[in-house]
Amino acid sequence: MKYLIIGLFIIMYLPTVKAEFVTTETNYIGKDTSIDTDIDGIVDSEDNCVYIPNANQLDSDNDNIGDVCDNCINVSNEDQKNTDGGLTYISTLIESTQQTYPIPYDIETDTENNVYICDFMNKKIIKYNDEFNKINEIQLDIVPSFTDINSSKNIYILSNYSKKVIIYNSLGEYISEFSLNNDLLSLRNIAVNDDNIFILTVTAVDKYTLSGELIISYPLECSNCVGFDVDKEGNMYISDVEENIVTKFDSNGNTIIKIGQTDTDYNLFKNPFDIKVRNDNNIYILDNINNNIQIFDSNGTFIERIQYEAEGEEEIYMFSITNDLSKLIISFDNKVNLYSLGDNLGDVCDNCVNIPNRNQYDGNNNQIGDVCEGIIIYECSLQHPNGICEEGKQCIEGDCVDINTEHDCSVEYPNGICQTGYECVDGNCVIINGDTNTSSGSDGCTYSATETRHCLVSTEIFMLFIMMIGLYILRKSLKTK
């Protein structure tokens, strides 16, 4: 059985890994007068960004660092000082010291920053919490190949060997499974959103209902497709490791963009092996040979490159990024490493120099990042890129909602409700006056003669608070079982 598994892996995946291995010097000193490292037509001695192709040599702030390499594009900072930036090793989550052959670990994260590692050889899924302590293991009867997690935190496991998909909930309890009619060697990857399950094969993407009913099959023309993900709208992202291209398809299978074509700038891949799409709608692509993760926006525009180091000639197969974009998890040959992820913003551009904050949220517009002020952030990035809702709306628990112009106290209290003993008047939380001409309402509030509503704590908020406490206690008790 063990050798059959190894053989299948060699047949399916090792042909995608090229024999060439390129190391990258992170502390590059001096520029060669004849070498063109990034193959952009400009030799290193004249290139303002040696490791990322940029034939246009755009340098908006004239600091001699090309925009594609610059951590602060619009303010000159030749020293590129970035106090809270960079990729910092934290720990090794899992490692196999007994095996002499590669073990590919697929990695996924959920909306609460829990990490799930698909242990191919030991036939189990290992779950870590947001502090990266192991909290659960799902022992399987089948060999897991790939996994994905939806926003309900259900775990969808693709088994190439068994030709089926098995579904568990976040507690590791079995839900259901369904069989696939594909050939064993044609299955490549799985991706899910809240509406559908998508299976990548050699020749197509098969779209299923969450209960396992085949809806449609989208044909593919792909030399060697491996990396795969979908977003909440059903757009599909697929990497071809032979053509070194990543393609974004819409929910009907039509091509939207291609990243990495020869006629595009600073999009060079060498074996784009894995893809992730996060809530910021950016596309994260692992470049297996170049030892980096390149980030693009939803339109395919280059944003950033995260460089990491491999030890010796070990290969990198899979990766994931936590939902809050603060941690990076990378699967090497026989281990999975955890890293903290800086914000890649130079100090001269960063509104919170000592704490990574990629989103740069500044709710009160005082030029100091909310994370540096200890302000609770209700992220509304889906409605507006910088987390600020459009005029007439406010951000409440992640959603942009209409502002109640009469009683908008969101500055004093995030959900617009003033603290006990205060009421919201013209946008300010003020002490409730001693109006004696009041009457009690059935909702627990008092009403003045002018029908002004004075609520110390609304019944709805109080009941929601009690329910949250109950859910918290239930969750804690389940975790301890």
Protein backbone atom coordinates (compact mmCIF):
# COMPACT_ATOMS: atom_id res chain seq x y z
CA MET A 1 0.00 0.00 0.00
CA LYS A 2 2.77 2.44 0.96
CA TYR A 3 4.62 1.95 -2.34
CA LEU A 4 1.39 2.24 -4.33
CA ILE A 5 0.77 5.65 -2.75
CA ILE A 6 4.33 6.79 -3.48
CA GLY A 7 4.02 5.57 -7.05
CA LEU A 8 0.78 7.44 -7.59
CA PHE A 9 2.30 10.64 -6.28
CA ILE A 10 5.34 10.29 -8.56
CA ILE A 11 3.13 9.67 -11.59
CA MET A 12 0.77 12.54 -10.89
CA TYR A 13 2.90 15.31 -9.45
CA LEU A 14 6.63 14.88 -9.80
CA PRO A 15 6.52 15.50 -13.59
CA THR A 16 5.35 19.03 -12.73
CA VAL A 17 8.53 19.75 -10.74
CA LYS A 18 11.40 20.78 -12.97
CA ALA A 19 14.94 19.64 -12.27
CA GLU A 20 16.16 23.26 -12.30
CA PHE A 21 16.47 24.85 -8.85
CA VAL A 22 17.07 28.56 -8.50
CA THR A 23 18.29 30.06 -5.24
CA THR A 24 17.69 33.70 -4.47
CA GLU A 25 20.09 35.97 -2.63
CA THR A 26 18.02 38.13 -0.31
CA ASN A 27 20.99 40.32 0.63
CA TYR A 28 22.25 41.01 -2.86
CA ILE A 29 25.34 43.21 -2.95
CA GLY A 30 26.57 44.58 -6.25
CA LYS A 31 25.11 44.02 -9.73
CA ASP A 32 26.57 41.83 -12.43
CA THR A 33 27.32 43.69 -15.65
CA SER A 34 26.26 40.86 -17.95
CA ILE A 35 23.58 38.84 -16.14
CA ASP A 36 19.87 39.53 -16.48
CA THR A 37 18.50 37.65 -13.49
CA ASP A 38 14.80 38.40 -14.05
CA ILE A 39 14.99 38.13 -17.86
CA ASP A 40 13.33 41.49 -18.49
CA GLY A 41 15.83 42.66 -21.12
CA ILE A 42 17.75 44.86 -18.68
CA VAL A 43 21.06 43.66 -17.23
CA ASP A 44 21.40 43.62 -13.47
CA SER A 45 23.89 46.49 -13.46
CA GLU A 46 21.22 48.81 -14.90
CA ASP A 47 18.08 47.17 -13.47
CA ASN A 48 16.26 49.03 -10.66
CA CYS A 49 14.56 45.78 -9.63
CA VAL A 50 16.85 42.81 -10.18
CA TYR A 51 14.59 39.91 -9.19
CA ILE A 52 11.19 40.94 -10.60
CA PRO A 53 10.85 41.61 -14.35
CA ASN A 54 10.03 45.28 -15.02
CA ALA A 55 11.02 46.26 -18.51
CA ASN A 56 9.42 49.69 -18.07
CA GLN A 57 11.71 50.47 -15.06
CA LEU A 58 8.95 52.61 -13.55
CA ASP A 59 10.17 54.47 -10.43
CA SER A 60 7.42 56.85 -9.29
CA ASP A 61 9.30 58.36 -6.33
CA ASN A 62 12.75 58.48 -8.01
CA ASP A 63 14.53 56.57 -5.24
CA ASN A 64 16.33 54.26 -7.69
CA ILE A 65 14.09 51.35 -6.70
CA GLY A 66 11.56 50.16 -9.25
CA ASP A 67 7.92 50.34 -8.20
CA VAL A 68 7.53 46.55 -8.36
CA CYS A 69 10.30 46.22 -5.74
CA ASP A 70 9.56 49.38 -3.75
CA ASN A 71 7.83 49.05 -0.36
CA CYS A 72 6.72 52.68 -0.57
CA ILE A 73 6.03 53.66 -4.16
CA ASN A 74 5.07 57.31 -3.74
CA VAL A 75 7.56 58.41 -1.06
CA SER A 76 11.30 58.16 -1.64
CA ASN A 77 12.97 55.68 0.73
CA GLU A 78 16.10 54.24 -0.73
CA ASP A 79 16.90 52.38 2.52
CA GLN A 80 13.55 50.50 2.28
CA LYS A 81 13.37 50.36 6.09
CA ASN A 82 10.40 48.26 7.18
CA THR A 83 10.31 47.70 10.96
CA ASP A 84 7.33 45.34 11.00
CA GLY A 85 7.92 43.75 7.60
CA GLY A 86 9.43 40.61 6.26
CA LEU A 87 8.80 36.92 6.66
CA THR A 88 9.78 35.57 10.10
CA TYR A 89 9.99 31.87 10.95
CA ILE A 90 7.91 30.93 14.00
CA SER A 91 7.85 27.14 14.24
CA THR A 92 7.53 23.81 12.45
CA LEU A 93 3.98 22.51 12.86
CA ILE A 94 4.62 19.00 11.54
CA GLU A 95 7.69 17.13 10.35
CA SER A 96 8.48 13.61 9.20
CA THR A 97 12.04 12.54 9.98
CA GLN A 98 11.52 8.89 9.07
CA GLN A 99 10.67 9.28 5.39
CA THR A 100 13.24 9.57 2.62
CA TYR A 101 10.67 10.46 -0.05
CA PRO A 102 8.60 13.66 -0.35
CA ILE A 103 5.32 13.91 1.55
CA PRO A 104 3.02 16.56 0.07
CA TYR A 105 0.97 18.27 2.77
CA ASP A 106 -2.05 20.21 1.55
CA ILE A 107 -2.86 23.17 3.82
CA GLU A 108 -6.05 25.17 4.31
CA THR A 109 -7.31 27.80 6.77
CA ASP A 110 -10.81 28.83 7.81
CA THR A 111 -12.48 32.14 8.65
CA GLU A 112 -11.31 31.91 12.29
CA ASN A 113 -7.65 31.42 11.28
CA ASN A 114 -7.65 27.73 12.22
CA VAL A 115 -5.19 25.70 10.14
CA TYR A 116 -5.91 22.28 8.60
CA ILE A 117 -3.07 20.06 7.40
CA CYS A 118 -3.81 17.14 5.09
CA ASP A 119 -1.38 14.39 6.16
CA PHE A 120 -1.17 12.23 3.04
CA MET A 121 0.90 9.36 4.43
CA ASN A 122 -0.76 9.00 7.83
CA LYS A 123 -4.30 9.34 6.44
CA LYS A 124 -5.51 12.12 8.68
CA ILE A 125 -6.45 15.80 8.86
CA ILE A 126 -4.77 17.76 11.67
CA LYS A 127 -6.41 20.94 12.96
CA TYR A 128 -4.59 23.78 14.74
CA ASN A 129 -6.28 26.77 16.37
CA ASP A 130 -5.43 30.43 15.74
CA GLU A 131 -2.62 30.19 18.30
CA PHE A 132 -1.31 27.17 16.37
CA ASN A 133 -1.89 24.60 19.07
CA LYS A 134 -3.09 21.24 17.81
CA ILE A 135 -6.73 20.83 18.82
CA ASN A 136 -8.03 17.92 16.74
CA GLU A 137 -7.19 15.08 14.39
CA ILE A 138 -9.51 13.34 11.97
CA GLN A 139 -8.30 9.79 11.34
CA LEU A 140 -9.44 8.60 7.92
CA ASP A 141 -9.95 5.20 6.33
CA ILE A 142 -8.94 6.60 2.96
CA VAL A 143 -5.87 8.42 1.67
CA PRO A 144 -6.58 12.19 1.56
CA SER A 145 -5.17 14.06 -1.41
CA PHE A 146 -6.49 17.62 -1.11
CA THR A 147 -8.83 19.57 1.16
CA ASP A 148 -10.75 22.82 1.23
CA ILE A 149 -12.84 24.65 3.84
CA ASN A 150 -15.91 26.84 3.28
CA SER A 151 -17.15 29.70 5.47
CA SER A 152 -19.25 27.24 7.51
CA LYS A 153 -15.92 25.60 8.39
CA ASN A 154 -16.98 22.27 6.89
CA ILE A 155 -14.00 20.22 5.68
CA TYR A 156 -14.16 18.77 2.14
CA ILE A 157 -11.60 16.04 1.48
CA LEU A 158 -10.75 14.74 -1.98
CA SER A 159 -9.33 11.23 -2.13
CA ASN A 160 -7.81 10.48 -5.54
CA TYR A 161 -7.15 6.88 -4.59
CA SER A 162 -10.72 6.19 -3.42
CA LYS A 163 -12.29 8.49 -6.04
CA LYS A 164 -14.61 10.18 -3.58
CA VAL A 165 -15.23 13.34 -1.56
CA ILE A 166 -15.74 13.04 2.22
CA ILE A 167 -17.23 15.89 4.28
CA TYR A 168 -16.70 16.60 8.01
CA ASN A 169 -17.77 19.49 10.18
CA SER A 170 -15.36 21.73 12.09
CA LEU A 171 -15.47 19.41 15.12
CA GLY A 172 -14.29 16.47 13.03
CA GLU A 173 -17.70 14.80 12.90
CA TYR A 174 -18.56 12.89 9.73
CA ILE A 175 -21.34 14.47 7.62
CA SER A 176 -21.48 12.67 4.27
CA GLU A 177 -19.57 11.52 1.21
CA PHE A 178 -20.10 10.92 -2.48
CA SER A 179 -18.26 9.00 -5.20
CA LEU A 180 -16.70 10.43 -8.36
CA ASN A 181 -16.90 8.84 -11.80
CA ASN A 182 -13.48 10.12 -12.85
CA ASP A 183 -10.44 8.04 -13.61
CA LEU A 184 -7.98 7.78 -10.71
CA LEU A 185 -5.15 9.66 -12.45
CA SER A 186 -7.40 12.41 -13.82
CA LEU A 187 -8.30 13.91 -10.41
CA ARG A 188 -6.17 16.92 -9.54
CA ASN A 189 -7.66 19.17 -6.82
CA ILE A 190 -10.76 20.37 -4.95
CA ALA A 191 -12.14 23.82 -4.11
CA VAL A 192 -15.37 24.87 -2.40
CA ASN A 193 -17.43 27.94 -1.61
CA ASP A 194 -20.74 28.26 0.23
CA ASP A 195 -22.74 27.12 -2.81
CA ASN A 196 -20.81 24.45 -4.65
CA ILE A 197 -17.99 21.89 -4.74
CA PHE A 198 -15.53 22.12 -7.65
CA ILE A 199 -13.30 19.24 -8.73
CA LEU A 200 -10.31 19.94 -10.99
CA THR A 201 -9.45 17.11 -13.38
CA VAL A 202 -6.93 16.80 -16.20
CA THR A 203 -9.46 17.92 -18.80
CA ALA A 204 -12.22 19.79 -16.96
CA VAL A 205 -13.65 21.40 -13.84
CA ASP A 206 -16.66 19.49 -12.54
CA LYS A 207 -19.16 21.55 -10.54
CA TYR A 208 -21.28 19.77 -7.89
CA THR A 209 -23.95 20.74 -5.41
CA LEU A 210 -22.92 20.58 -1.75
CA SER A 211 -24.77 17.24 -1.56
CA GLY A 212 -22.66 15.77 -4.38
CA GLU A 213 -24.88 16.05 -7.47
CA LEU A 214 -23.00 16.89 -10.67
CA ILE A 215 -24.29 20.16 -12.18
CA ILE A 216 -21.98 20.84 -15.11
CA SER A 217 -18.51 20.09 -16.43
CA TYR A 218 -16.40 22.93 -17.86
CA PRO A 219 -13.83 21.64 -20.41
CA LEU A 220 -10.22 22.79 -19.99
CA GLU A 221 -7.31 23.17 -22.34
CA CYS A 222 -4.47 22.79 -19.89
CA SER A 223 -1.03 21.26 -20.29
CA ASN A 224 -0.60 20.41 -16.61
CA CYS A 225 -3.07 22.04 -14.23
CA VAL A 226 -2.44 21.65 -10.48
CA GLY A 227 -3.16 24.80 -8.43
CA PHE A 228 -6.87 25.49 -7.94
CA ASP A 229 -9.19 27.75 -5.94
CA VAL A 230 -12.60 29.46 -6.22
CA ASP A 231 -13.97 32.67 -4.73
CA LYS A 232 -17.38 33.34 -3.24
CA GLU A 233 -18.82 34.40 -6.62
CA GLY A 234 -17.77 31.08 -8.16
CA ASN A 235 -14.87 32.46 -10.21
CA MET A 236 -12.24 29.73 -10.73
CA TYR A 237 -8.43 30.16 -10.56
CA ILE A 238 -6.23 27.47 -12.14
CA SER A 239 -2.46 27.25 -12.55
CA ASP A 240 -0.72 25.45 -15.40
CA VAL A 241 2.75 24.46 -14.20
CA GLU A 242 3.94 23.54 -17.68
CA GLU A 243 2.89 26.77 -19.39
CA ASN A 244 3.62 28.82 -16.23
CA ILE A 245 0.27 30.60 -16.47
CA VAL A 246 -2.54 31.24 -13.98
CA THR A 247 -6.00 31.68 -15.50
CA LYS A 248 -9.09 33.21 -13.89
CA PHE A 249 -12.41 31.89 -15.20
CA ASP A 250 -15.87 33.23 -14.41
CA SER A 251 -18.61 31.04 -12.92
CA ASN A 252 -19.61 29.90 -16.42
CA GLY A 253 -16.12 28.76 -17.36
CA ASN A 254 -15.23 31.77 -19.54
CA THR A 255 -11.68 33.12 -19.39
CA ILE A 256 -11.42 36.50 -17.63
CA ILE A 257 -7.66 37.05 -17.31
CA LYS A 258 -4.38 35.19 -17.71
CA ILE A 259 -1.42 35.99 -15.48
CA GLY A 260 2.09 35.07 -16.59
CA GLN A 261 1.82 35.38 -20.36
CA THR A 262 4.95 36.41 -22.23
CA ASP A 263 3.46 39.77 -23.24
CA THR A 264 2.84 40.92 -19.66
CA ASP A 265 5.29 42.66 -17.35
CA TYR A 266 6.64 41.41 -13.97
CA ASN A 267 4.46 38.26 -14.04
CA LEU A 268 7.14 35.63 -14.51
CA PHE A 269 6.50 32.21 -12.93
CA LYS A 270 8.53 29.03 -12.80
CA ASN A 271 6.14 26.30 -11.71
CA PRO A 272 3.13 28.09 -10.12
CA PHE A 273 2.13 25.09 -8.02
CA ASP A 274 -0.55 26.41 -5.64
CA ILE A 275 -3.14 29.22 -5.54
CA LYS A 276 -5.15 30.85 -2.78
CA VAL A 277 -7.84 33.57 -3.00
CA ARG A 278 -8.64 35.41 0.22
CA ASN A 279 -11.32 37.83 1.47
CA ASP A 280 -9.31 40.78 0.19
CA ASN A 281 -10.02 39.35 -3.31
CA ASN A 282 -6.30 39.18 -4.04
CA ILE A 283 -4.74 36.17 -5.77
CA TYR A 284 -1.80 34.51 -3.97
CA ILE A 285 0.36 32.28 -6.20
CA LEU A 286 3.14 30.01 -4.96
CA ASP A 287 6.09 29.88 -7.38
CA ASN A 288 7.71 26.52 -6.66
CA ILE A 289 11.04 27.12 -8.38
CA ASN A 290 11.59 30.79 -7.57
CA ASN A 291 10.79 30.28 -3.86
CA ASN A 292 8.26 33.08 -3.67
CA ILE A 293 4.59 33.88 -3.39
CA GLN A 294 3.38 36.55 -5.78
CA ILE A 295 0.28 38.59 -5.01
CA PHE A 296 -2.04 40.05 -7.66
CA ASP A 297 -5.30 41.92 -7.37
CA SER A 298 -8.53 40.52 -8.82
CA ASN A 299 -7.73 42.12 -12.18
CA GLY A 300 -4.31 40.47 -12.41
CA THR A 301 -2.26 43.55 -11.50
CA PHE A 302 0.94 42.73 -9.62
CA ILE A 303 1.00 43.87 -5.97
CA GLU A 304 3.81 42.18 -4.09
CA ARG A 305 6.27 39.31 -3.96
CA ILE A 306 6.99 37.42 -0.73
CA GLN A 307 10.35 35.65 -0.83
CA TYR A 308 11.12 32.65 1.38
CA GLU A 309 14.13 30.39 1.82
CA ALA A 310 14.32 26.68 1.10
CA GLU A 311 16.91 24.53 2.85
CA GLY A 312 19.23 22.86 0.39
CA GLU A 313 17.24 21.50 -2.53
CA GLU A 314 13.98 20.78 -0.74
CA GLU A 315 10.84 21.39 -2.77
CA ILE A 316 7.87 23.52 -1.76
CA TYR A 317 4.48 22.11 -2.65
CA MET A 318 1.59 23.87 -0.94
CA PHE A 319 0.88 26.92 1.20
CA SER A 320 -1.90 28.88 2.88
CA ILE A 321 -2.43 32.29 4.46
CA THR A 322 -4.58 32.91 7.52
CA ASN A 323 -7.77 34.86 6.97
CA ASP A 324 -6.36 37.92 8.78
CA LEU A 325 -3.30 37.83 6.46
CA SER A 326 -0.91 37.76 9.43
CA LYS A 327 0.53 34.23 9.11
CA LEU A 328 1.91 32.18 6.24
CA ILE A 329 2.05 28.37 6.31
CA ILE A 330 4.31 26.59 3.80
CA SER A 331 4.56 22.86 3.05
CA PHE A 332 8.07 21.69 2.19
CA ASP A 333 9.21 18.13 1.31
CA ASN A 334 8.62 16.57 4.72
CA LYS A 335 7.48 19.39 6.97
CA VAL A 336 5.12 22.34 7.38
CA ASN A 337 6.55 25.65 8.62
CA LEU A 338 4.71 28.60 10.15
CA TYR A 339 5.81 32.21 9.50
CA SER A 340 4.61 35.64 10.58
CA LEU A 341 3.86 37.84 7.61
CA GLY A 342 4.88 41.50 7.74
CA ASP A 343 2.96 44.23 5.96
CA ASN A 344 5.61 45.00 3.31
CA LEU A 345 5.16 48.73 3.82
CA GLY A 346 8.16 50.97 4.32
CA ASP A 347 8.16 52.93 7.57
CA VAL A 348 7.69 56.21 5.70
CA CYS A 349 4.37 54.90 4.32
CA ASP A 350 3.20 52.82 7.28
CA ASN A 351 0.59 54.23 9.69
CA CYS A 352 1.61 51.68 12.33
CA VAL A 353 5.33 51.03 12.13
CA ASN A 354 5.72 48.38 14.84
CA ILE A 355 2.66 46.17 14.18
CA PRO A 356 1.96 44.57 10.78
CA ASN A 357 -1.28 45.95 9.33
CA ARG A 358 -1.60 45.28 5.65
CA ASN A 359 -5.03 46.85 5.45
CA GLN A 360 -3.81 50.18 6.97
CA TYR A 361 -7.22 50.79 8.57
CA ASP A 362 -7.54 54.24 10.16
CA GLY A 363 -11.17 54.63 11.21
CA ASN A 364 -10.79 58.10 12.76
CA ASN A 365 -8.48 59.40 10.01
CA ASN A 366 -5.78 60.61 12.41
CA GLN A 367 -2.94 59.05 10.37
CA ILE A 368 -2.37 56.40 13.06
CA GLY A 369 -3.36 52.83 12.21
CA ASP A 370 -6.20 51.40 14.26
CA VAL A 371 -4.06 48.44 15.38
CA CYS A 372 -1.63 50.89 16.99
CA GLU A 373 -4.47 52.57 18.88
CA GLY A 374 -6.01 49.33 20.11
CA ILE A 375 -9.23 50.02 18.21
CA ILE A 376 -11.48 47.08 17.40
CA ILE A 377 -11.70 46.82 13.63
CA TYR A 378 -14.92 45.77 11.93
CA GLU A 379 -13.59 44.98 8.49
CA CYS A 380 -15.67 46.14 5.57
CA SER A 381 -13.09 45.50 2.87
CA LEU A 382 -15.60 43.69 0.68
CA GLN A 383 -17.57 46.92 0.40
CA HIS A 384 -14.62 49.26 0.11
CA PRO A 385 -10.89 48.41 -0.34
CA ASN A 386 -9.69 50.43 2.68
CA GLY A 387 -12.47 49.23 4.97
CA ILE A 388 -14.37 52.54 4.90
CA CYS A 389 -17.95 52.37 3.68
CA GLU A 390 -19.36 54.82 1.16
CA GLU A 391 -21.12 58.00 2.26
CA GLY A 392 -24.37 57.31 4.09
CA LYS A 393 -23.25 53.90 5.39
CA GLN A 394 -21.30 52.67 8.39
CA CYS A 395 -19.37 49.48 9.09
CA ILE A 396 -21.06 47.25 11.67
CA GLU A 397 -19.53 43.82 12.29
CA GLY A 398 -18.14 43.50 8.77
CA ASP A 399 -21.12 44.90 6.81
CA CYS A 400 -21.72 48.35 5.38
CA VAL A 401 -25.21 49.33 6.57
CA ASP A 402 -27.30 52.49 6.24
CA ILE A 403 -26.61 55.08 8.91
CA ASN A 404 -29.51 56.08 11.12
CA THR A 405 -28.95 59.84 10.93
CA GLU A 406 -31.00 60.47 14.08
CA HIS A 407 -29.19 58.01 16.29
CA ASP A 408 -25.73 57.36 14.80
CA CYS A 409 -23.27 56.98 17.65
CA SER A 410 -20.77 54.68 15.95
CA VAL A 411 -17.84 56.85 17.05
CA GLU A 412 -18.71 56.35 20.73
CA TYR A 413 -19.63 52.69 20.37
CA PRO A 414 -18.92 50.46 17.34
CA ASN A 415 -22.51 49.27 16.80
CA GLY A 416 -24.06 52.70 17.31
CA ILE A 417 -25.59 51.90 20.73
CA CYS A 418 -24.49 54.11 23.63
CA GLN A 419 -23.39 52.67 26.97
CA THR A 420 -25.78 52.24 29.89
CA GLY A 421 -27.18 55.58 31.15
CA TYR A 422 -26.57 57.41 27.87
CA GLU A 423 -28.58 58.03 24.72
CA CYS A 424 -27.63 59.00 21.20
CA VAL A 425 -28.56 62.59 20.34
CA ASP A 426 -27.41 64.10 17.05
CA GLY A 427 -24.55 61.66 16.80
CA ASN A 428 -23.34 62.04 20.39
CA CYS A 429 -23.77 59.78 23.41
CA VAL A 430 -25.19 62.03 26.16
CA ILE A 431 -26.50 61.34 29.68
CA ILE A 432 -30.19 60.55 29.69
CA ASN A 433 -32.06 63.56 31.12
CA GLY A 434 -34.35 63.42 34.13
CA ASP A 435 -37.58 63.82 32.18
CA THR A 436 -40.30 62.86 34.71
CA ASN A 437 -43.06 62.74 32.12
CA THR A 438 -42.18 59.30 30.81
CA SER A 439 -43.91 55.99 30.26
CA SER A 440 -42.60 52.44 30.07
CA GLY A 441 -42.70 50.48 26.83
CA SER A 442 -43.08 46.74 26.32
CA ASP A 443 -39.53 46.62 24.96
CA GLY A 444 -38.04 47.63 28.32
CA CYS A 445 -37.45 51.24 27.21
CA THR A 446 -39.01 54.47 28.49
CA TYR A 447 -40.71 57.07 26.32
CA SER A 448 -40.95 60.79 27.04
CA ALA A 449 -43.94 62.97 26.31
CA THR A 450 -42.47 63.68 22.91
CA GLU A 451 -42.21 59.92 22.26
CA THR A 452 -38.42 60.04 22.46
CA ARG A 453 -37.14 56.50 23.15
CA HIS A 454 -34.68 56.12 26.05
CA CYS A 455 -33.14 52.65 26.32
CA LEU A 456 -30.43 51.74 28.78
CA VAL A 457 -29.89 48.42 27.05
CA SER A 458 -32.25 47.22 24.34
CA THR A 459 -33.93 43.85 24.83
CA GLU A 460 -32.56 42.64 21.49
CA ILE A 461 -28.97 43.50 22.36
CA PHE A 462 -29.28 41.95 25.81
CA MET A 463 -30.71 38.68 24.44
CA LEU A 464 -28.00 38.54 21.77
CA PHE A 465 -25.38 39.00 24.49
CA ILE A 466 -26.85 36.11 26.53
CA MET A 467 -26.95 33.88 23.42
CA MET A 468 -23.29 34.66 22.65
CA ILE A 469 -22.28 33.68 26.17
CA GLY A 470 -24.22 30.43 25.84
CA LEU A 471 -22.60 29.63 22.49
CA TYR A 472 -19.17 30.40 23.90
CA ILE A 473 -19.69 28.02 26.85
CA LEU A 474 -21.03 25.31 24.52
CA ARG A 475 -18.06 25.68 22.20
CA LYS A 476 -15.58 25.48 25.08
CA SER A 477 -17.26 22.33 26.42
CA LEU A 478 -17.15 20.69 23.00
CA LYS A 479 -13.47 21.50 22.61
CA THR A 480 -12.63 19.85 25.92
CA LYS A 481 -14.35 16.55 25.01
